[in-house]
């Protein structure tokens, strides 16, 4: 056994599992795949972009709040009171974990 033995063995096992899944899917009669719902996709991707663009400029807390506010309309059961409570709670939790517990070098808030 050389250094490439284990990766080759894993690749063969994964290929066998893939072939088994392929043959099972060709034999079964599954329901048609539904069209994707675009509303959640757009809002969640927009929230990721907002967070990425705002974390260095404004800090962790405002970026977290902005991302949650942007992502919340993805749900049809969206309520402002719940969104604000979640945003403030998640921002506080993120600050506790990343800045105080893990000592990450990022600003808490910058205006």
C-alpha atoms as a PDB file:
ATOM      1  CA  UNK A   1       0.000   0.000   0.000  1.00  0.00           C
ATOM      2  CA  UNK A   2       1.391   3.354  -1.063  1.00  0.00           C
ATOM      3  CA  UNK A   3       0.402   6.906  -0.265  1.00  0.00           C
ATOM      4  CA  UNK A   4      -2.312   6.942  -2.940  1.00  0.00           C
ATOM      5  CA  UNK A   5      -4.026   3.738  -1.812  1.00  0.00           C
ATOM      6  CA  UNK A   6      -6.606   5.286   0.534  1.00  0.00           C
ATOM      7  CA  UNK A   7      -7.686   8.142  -1.795  1.00  0.00           C
ATOM      8  CA  UNK A   8      -8.101   5.696  -4.690  1.00  0.00           C
ATOM      9  CA  UNK A   9     -10.101   3.346  -2.472  1.00  0.00           C
ATOM     10  CA  UNK A  10     -12.372   6.192  -1.341  1.00  0.00           C
ATOM     11  CA  UNK A  11     -12.829   7.326  -4.959  1.00  0.00           C
ATOM     12  CA  UNK A  12     -13.832   3.811  -6.023  1.00  0.00           C
ATOM     13  CA  UNK A  13     -16.324   3.473  -3.175  1.00  0.00           C
ATOM     14  CA  UNK A  14     -17.856   6.865  -4.032  1.00  0.00           C
ATOM     15  CA  UNK A  15     -18.057   5.899  -7.711  1.00  0.00           C
ATOM     16  CA  UNK A  16     -19.846   2.654  -6.786  1.00  0.00           C
ATOM     17  CA  UNK A  17     -22.318   4.529  -4.572  1.00  0.00           C
ATOM     18  CA  UNK A  18     -22.919   6.989  -7.416  1.00  0.00           C
ATOM     19  CA  UNK A  19     -23.599   4.171  -9.872  1.00  0.00           C
ATOM     20  CA  UNK A  20     -26.014   2.494  -7.464  1.00  0.00           C
ATOM     21  CA  UNK A  21     -27.912   5.762  -6.988  1.00  0.00           C
ATOM     22  CA  UNK A  22     -27.959   6.347 -10.764  1.00  0.00           C
ATOM     23  CA  UNK A  23     -29.419   2.906 -11.527  1.00  0.00           C
ATOM     24  CA  UNK A  24     -32.011   3.193  -8.760  1.00  0.00           C
ATOM     25  CA  UNK A  25     -33.113   6.606 -10.032  1.00  0.00           C
ATOM     26  CA  UNK A  26     -33.512   5.315 -13.596  1.00  0.00           C
ATOM     27  CA  UNK A  27     -35.745   2.464 -12.431  1.00  0.00           C
ATOM     28  CA  UNK A  28     -38.083   4.488 -10.224  1.00  0.00           C
ATOM     29  CA  UNK A  29     -40.922   6.728 -11.341  1.00  0.00           C
ATOM     30  CA  UNK A  30     -40.536   9.845  -9.231  1.00  0.00           C
ATOM     31  CA  UNK A  31     -42.643  12.978  -9.281  1.00  0.00           C
ATOM     32  CA  UNK A  32     -41.582  15.837 -11.514  1.00  0.00           C
ATOM     33  CA  UNK A  33     -39.333  18.488 -10.046  1.00  0.00           C
ATOM     34  CA  UNK A  34     -41.177  21.691  -9.212  1.00  0.00           C
ATOM     35  CA  UNK A  35     -40.047  25.117 -10.346  1.00  0.00           C
ATOM     36  CA  UNK A  36     -37.801  26.848  -7.815  1.00  0.00           C
ATOM     37  CA  UNK A  37     -39.290  29.674  -5.791  1.00  0.00           C
ATOM     38  CA  UNK A  38     -37.290  32.799  -6.579  1.00  0.00           C
ATOM     39  CA  UNK A  39     -38.359  35.026  -3.684  1.00  0.00           C
ATOM     40  CA  UNK A  40     -36.284  33.299  -0.937  1.00  0.00           C
ATOM     41  CA  UNK A  41     -33.350  32.842  -3.285  1.00  0.00           C
ATOM     42  CA  UNK A  42     -33.187  36.531  -4.174  1.00  0.00           C
ATOM     43  CA  UNK A  43     -33.571  37.840  -0.621  1.00  0.00           C
ATOM     44  CA  UNK A  44     -31.087  35.423   0.966  1.00  0.00           C
ATOM     45  CA  UNK A  45     -28.460  36.061  -1.711  1.00  0.00           C
ATOM     46  CA  UNK A  46     -29.018  39.808  -1.325  1.00  0.00           C
ATOM     47  CA  UNK A  47     -28.511  39.469   2.439  1.00  0.00           C
ATOM     48  CA  UNK A  48     -25.195  37.691   1.906  1.00  0.00           C
ATOM     49  CA  UNK A  49     -24.043  40.448  -0.452  1.00  0.00           C
ATOM     50  CA  UNK A  50     -25.169  43.174   1.986  1.00  0.00           C
ATOM     51  CA  UNK A  51     -23.290  41.496   4.844  1.00  0.00           C
ATOM     52  CA  UNK A  52     -20.134  41.057   2.780  1.00  0.00           C
ATOM     53  CA  UNK A  53     -20.145  44.667   1.597  1.00  0.00           C
ATOM     54  CA  UNK A  54     -20.974  46.224   4.961  1.00  0.00           C
ATOM     55  CA  UNK A  55     -18.946  44.298   7.557  1.00  0.00           C
ATOM     56  CA  UNK A  56     -15.672  46.140   6.971  1.00  0.00           C
ATOM     57  CA  UNK A  57     -17.265  49.549   6.486  1.00  0.00           C
ATOM     58  CA  UNK A  58     -19.798  49.521   9.352  1.00  0.00           C
ATOM     59  CA  UNK A  59     -18.714  46.721  11.698  1.00  0.00           C
ATOM     60  CA  UNK A  60     -20.136  43.403  12.828  1.00  0.00           C
ATOM     61  CA  UNK A  61     -23.298  44.540  14.615  1.00  0.00           C
ATOM     62  CA  UNK A  62     -24.704  46.833  11.890  1.00  0.00           C
ATOM     63  CA  UNK A  63     -23.772  44.326   9.162  1.00  0.00           C
ATOM     64  CA  UNK A  64     -25.558  41.508  11.005  1.00  0.00           C
ATOM     65  CA  UNK A  65     -28.661  43.618  11.567  1.00  0.00           C
ATOM     66  CA  UNK A  66     -28.708  44.724   7.925  1.00  0.00           C
ATOM     67  CA  UNK A  67     -28.315  41.169   6.628  1.00  0.00           C
ATOM     68  CA  UNK A  68     -31.170  39.870   8.761  1.00  0.00           C
ATOM     69  CA  UNK A  69     -33.461  42.750   7.778  1.00  0.00           C
ATOM     70  CA  UNK A  70     -32.709  42.149   4.083  1.00  0.00           C
ATOM     71  CA  UNK A  71     -33.217  38.366   4.340  1.00  0.00           C
ATOM     72  CA  UNK A  72     -36.448  38.463   6.363  1.00  0.00           C
ATOM     73  CA  UNK A  73     -38.861  39.243   3.497  1.00  0.00           C
ATOM     74  CA  UNK A  74     -37.882  35.892   1.982  1.00  0.00           C
ATOM     75  CA  UNK A  75     -40.575  34.362   4.175  1.00  0.00           C
ATOM     76  CA  UNK A  76     -44.218  35.075   3.437  1.00  0.00           C
ATOM     77  CA  UNK A  77     -44.847  35.115   7.214  1.00  0.00           C
ATOM     78  CA  UNK A  78     -42.535  38.101   7.679  1.00  0.00           C
ATOM     79  CA  UNK A  79     -43.271  40.498  10.586  1.00  0.00           C
ATOM     80  CA  UNK A  80     -41.255  43.603  11.442  1.00  0.00           C
ATOM     81  CA  UNK A  81     -41.421  43.070  15.209  1.00  0.00           C
ATOM     82  CA  UNK A  82     -39.999  39.553  14.943  1.00  0.00           C
ATOM     83  CA  UNK A  83     -37.378  40.683  12.438  1.00  0.00           C
ATOM     84  CA  UNK A  84     -36.106  43.496  14.660  1.00  0.00           C
ATOM     85  CA  UNK A  85     -36.006  41.226  17.731  1.00  0.00           C
ATOM     86  CA  UNK A  86     -34.132  38.539  15.799  1.00  0.00           C
ATOM     87  CA  UNK A  87     -31.705  41.070  14.307  1.00  0.00           C
ATOM     88  CA  UNK A  88     -30.825  42.604  17.667  1.00  0.00           C
ATOM     89  CA  UNK A  89     -30.502  39.197  19.331  1.00  0.00           C
ATOM     90  CA  UNK A  90     -28.328  37.753  16.583  1.00  0.00           C
ATOM     91  CA  UNK A  91     -26.123  40.860  16.510  1.00  0.00           C
ATOM     92  CA  UNK A  92     -25.573  40.595  20.269  1.00  0.00           C
ATOM     93  CA  UNK A  93     -24.851  36.874  19.972  1.00  0.00           C
ATOM     94  CA  UNK A  94     -22.425  37.421  17.085  1.00  0.00           C
ATOM     95  CA  UNK A  95     -20.614  40.131  19.049  1.00  0.00           C
ATOM     96  CA  UNK A  96     -20.331  37.901  22.112  1.00  0.00           C
ATOM     97  CA  UNK A  97     -19.058  34.926  20.152  1.00  0.00           C
ATOM     98  CA  UNK A  98     -16.764  36.467  17.554  1.00  0.00           C
ATOM     99  CA  UNK A  99     -15.431  39.572  19.273  1.00  0.00           C
ATOM    100  CA  UNK A 100     -15.388  38.659  22.965  1.00  0.00           C
ATOM    101  CA  UNK A 101     -15.135  34.846  23.070  1.00  0.00           C
ATOM    102  CA  UNK A 102     -12.973  34.246  19.976  1.00  0.00           C
ATOM    103  CA  UNK A 103     -11.148  37.622  20.086  1.00  0.00           C
ATOM    104  CA  UNK A 104     -11.551  38.268  16.386  1.00  0.00           C
ATOM    105  CA  UNK A 105      -9.980  41.475  15.167  1.00  0.00           C
ATOM    106  CA  UNK A 106     -12.996  43.279  13.718  1.00  0.00           C
ATOM    107  CA  UNK A 107     -14.816  46.428  14.739  1.00  0.00           C
ATOM    108  CA  UNK A 108     -17.991  46.092  16.759  1.00  0.00           C
ATOM    109  CA  UNK A 109     -19.550  49.135  15.082  1.00  0.00           C
ATOM    110  CA  UNK A 110     -18.098  51.891  12.932  1.00  0.00           C
ATOM    111  CA  UNK A 111     -20.057  54.864  11.632  1.00  0.00           C
END
